[in-house]
């Protein structure tokens, strides 16, 4: 597929999913928020592994979600999964 003539922002993709595809974005936000409630017991934590996903935390907010088995971006090696 060719690159689109106009770039599409993440905000536009999110709104498209919400309005055209019927995705409940706020519901997903709540689901993610409930998964990380355990972080209340670990105030200095930078993330948590949940359901095969790594949820990264910065400044008290979940800022990204990655696959837990994603290769290290610096070395290209597979990261070792730690028990949850």
C-alpha atoms as a PDB file:
ATOM      1  CA  UNK A   1       0.000   0.000   0.000  1.00  0.00           C
ATOM      2  CA  UNK A   2       1.309   3.448  -0.881  1.00  0.00           C
ATOM      3  CA  UNK A   3       2.059   6.027   1.757  1.00  0.00           C
ATOM      4  CA  UNK A   4      -0.920   8.390   2.203  1.00  0.00           C
ATOM      5  CA  UNK A   5      -0.645  11.867   0.742  1.00  0.00           C
ATOM      6  CA  UNK A   6      -1.513  13.426   4.096  1.00  0.00           C
ATOM      7  CA  UNK A   7      -0.067  12.180   7.389  1.00  0.00           C
ATOM      8  CA  UNK A   8      -2.618  10.868   9.885  1.00  0.00           C
ATOM      9  CA  UNK A   9      -2.132  11.691  13.556  1.00  0.00           C
ATOM     10  CA  UNK A  10      -2.649   9.244  16.413  1.00  0.00           C
ATOM     11  CA  UNK A  11      -5.547  11.434  17.559  1.00  0.00           C
ATOM     12  CA  UNK A  12      -7.248  11.035  14.167  1.00  0.00           C
ATOM     13  CA  UNK A  13      -6.763   7.257  14.233  1.00  0.00           C
ATOM     14  CA  UNK A  14      -8.215   7.111  17.740  1.00  0.00           C
ATOM     15  CA  UNK A  15     -11.259   9.156  16.739  1.00  0.00           C
ATOM     16  CA  UNK A  16     -11.745   7.024  13.606  1.00  0.00           C
ATOM     17  CA  UNK A  17     -11.720   3.869  15.723  1.00  0.00           C
ATOM     18  CA  UNK A  18     -14.178   5.471  18.109  1.00  0.00           C
ATOM     19  CA  UNK A  19     -16.650   6.948  15.615  1.00  0.00           C
ATOM     20  CA  UNK A  20     -16.381   4.828  12.454  1.00  0.00           C
ATOM     21  CA  UNK A  21     -15.535   1.459  13.997  1.00  0.00           C
ATOM     22  CA  UNK A  22     -17.568   1.794  17.200  1.00  0.00           C
ATOM     23  CA  UNK A  23     -14.643   1.136  19.560  1.00  0.00           C
ATOM     24  CA  UNK A  24     -15.367   2.182  23.156  1.00  0.00           C
ATOM     25  CA  UNK A  25     -12.134   4.127  23.797  1.00  0.00           C
ATOM     26  CA  UNK A  26     -13.140   5.235  27.301  1.00  0.00           C
ATOM     27  CA  UNK A  27     -14.066   1.659  28.193  1.00  0.00           C
ATOM     28  CA  UNK A  28     -10.618   0.499  27.088  1.00  0.00           C
ATOM     29  CA  UNK A  29      -9.033   3.297  29.122  1.00  0.00           C
ATOM     30  CA  UNK A  30     -10.907   2.047  32.212  1.00  0.00           C
ATOM     31  CA  UNK A  31      -9.839  -1.554  31.555  1.00  0.00           C
ATOM     32  CA  UNK A  32      -6.184  -0.545  31.362  1.00  0.00           C
ATOM     33  CA  UNK A  33      -6.524   1.580  34.504  1.00  0.00           C
ATOM     34  CA  UNK A  34      -7.993  -1.324  36.475  1.00  0.00           C
ATOM     35  CA  UNK A  35      -5.182  -3.662  35.402  1.00  0.00           C
ATOM     36  CA  UNK A  36      -2.525  -1.480  36.989  1.00  0.00           C
ATOM     37  CA  UNK A  37      -4.144  -0.909  40.385  1.00  0.00           C
ATOM     38  CA  UNK A  38      -1.403  -3.099  41.916  1.00  0.00           C
ATOM     39  CA  UNK A  39       1.060  -0.281  41.189  1.00  0.00           C
ATOM     40  CA  UNK A  40      -0.422   1.562  44.198  1.00  0.00           C
ATOM     41  CA  UNK A  41       1.635  -0.846  46.340  1.00  0.00           C
ATOM     42  CA  UNK A  42       4.823  -0.032  44.377  1.00  0.00           C
ATOM     43  CA  UNK A  43       5.036   3.765  44.012  1.00  0.00           C
ATOM     44  CA  UNK A  44       8.476   3.794  42.336  1.00  0.00           C
ATOM     45  CA  UNK A  45       7.638   1.184  39.683  1.00  0.00           C
ATOM     46  CA  UNK A  46       8.154   2.118  36.035  1.00  0.00           C
ATOM     47  CA  UNK A  47       5.844  -0.513  34.642  1.00  0.00           C
ATOM     48  CA  UNK A  48       4.024  -3.798  35.058  1.00  0.00           C
ATOM     49  CA  UNK A  49       3.533  -7.006  33.085  1.00  0.00           C
ATOM     50  CA  UNK A  50      -0.133  -7.896  32.610  1.00  0.00           C
ATOM     51  CA  UNK A  51      -1.672 -10.454  30.228  1.00  0.00           C
ATOM     52  CA  UNK A  52       1.495 -10.686  28.129  1.00  0.00           C
ATOM     53  CA  UNK A  53       1.777  -6.908  27.834  1.00  0.00           C
ATOM     54  CA  UNK A  54       4.225  -4.452  29.368  1.00  0.00           C
ATOM     55  CA  UNK A  55       2.457  -1.293  30.584  1.00  0.00           C
ATOM     56  CA  UNK A  56       4.936   1.568  31.073  1.00  0.00           C
ATOM     57  CA  UNK A  57       4.350   4.251  33.695  1.00  0.00           C
ATOM     58  CA  UNK A  58       5.724   7.792  33.755  1.00  0.00           C
ATOM     59  CA  UNK A  59       4.659  10.708  35.927  1.00  0.00           C
ATOM     60  CA  UNK A  60       1.837   8.641  37.400  1.00  0.00           C
ATOM     61  CA  UNK A  61       0.258   7.793  34.003  1.00  0.00           C
ATOM     62  CA  UNK A  62       0.268   4.737  31.777  1.00  0.00           C
ATOM     63  CA  UNK A  63       2.132   6.122  28.761  1.00  0.00           C
ATOM     64  CA  UNK A  64       2.494   3.083  26.503  1.00  0.00           C
ATOM     65  CA  UNK A  65       1.627  -0.561  26.096  1.00  0.00           C
ATOM     66  CA  UNK A  66       4.055  -2.985  24.444  1.00  0.00           C
ATOM     67  CA  UNK A  67       4.238  -6.712  23.866  1.00  0.00           C
ATOM     68  CA  UNK A  68       6.126  -8.263  26.783  1.00  0.00           C
ATOM     69  CA  UNK A  69       8.284 -10.326  24.423  1.00  0.00           C
ATOM     70  CA  UNK A  70       9.247  -7.396  22.220  1.00  0.00           C
ATOM     71  CA  UNK A  71      12.971  -7.392  21.342  1.00  0.00           C
ATOM     72  CA  UNK A  72      15.213  -4.863  23.053  1.00  0.00           C
ATOM     73  CA  UNK A  73      15.394  -1.814  20.779  1.00  0.00           C
ATOM     74  CA  UNK A  74      19.106  -1.270  21.439  1.00  0.00           C
ATOM     75  CA  UNK A  75      20.466  -4.799  21.069  1.00  0.00           C
ATOM     76  CA  UNK A  76      17.743  -6.482  19.021  1.00  0.00           C
ATOM     77  CA  UNK A  77      17.806  -9.421  21.433  1.00  0.00           C
ATOM     78  CA  UNK A  78      14.674 -10.923  22.873  1.00  0.00           C
ATOM     79  CA  UNK A  79      14.061  -9.818  26.438  1.00  0.00           C
ATOM     80  CA  UNK A  80      13.691 -12.466  29.077  1.00  0.00           C
ATOM     81  CA  UNK A  81      10.179 -12.579  30.515  1.00  0.00           C
ATOM     82  CA  UNK A  82      10.127 -12.370  34.279  1.00  0.00           C
ATOM     83  CA  UNK A  83       7.374 -14.082  36.229  1.00  0.00           C
ATOM     84  CA  UNK A  84       4.510 -11.752  37.128  1.00  0.00           C
END
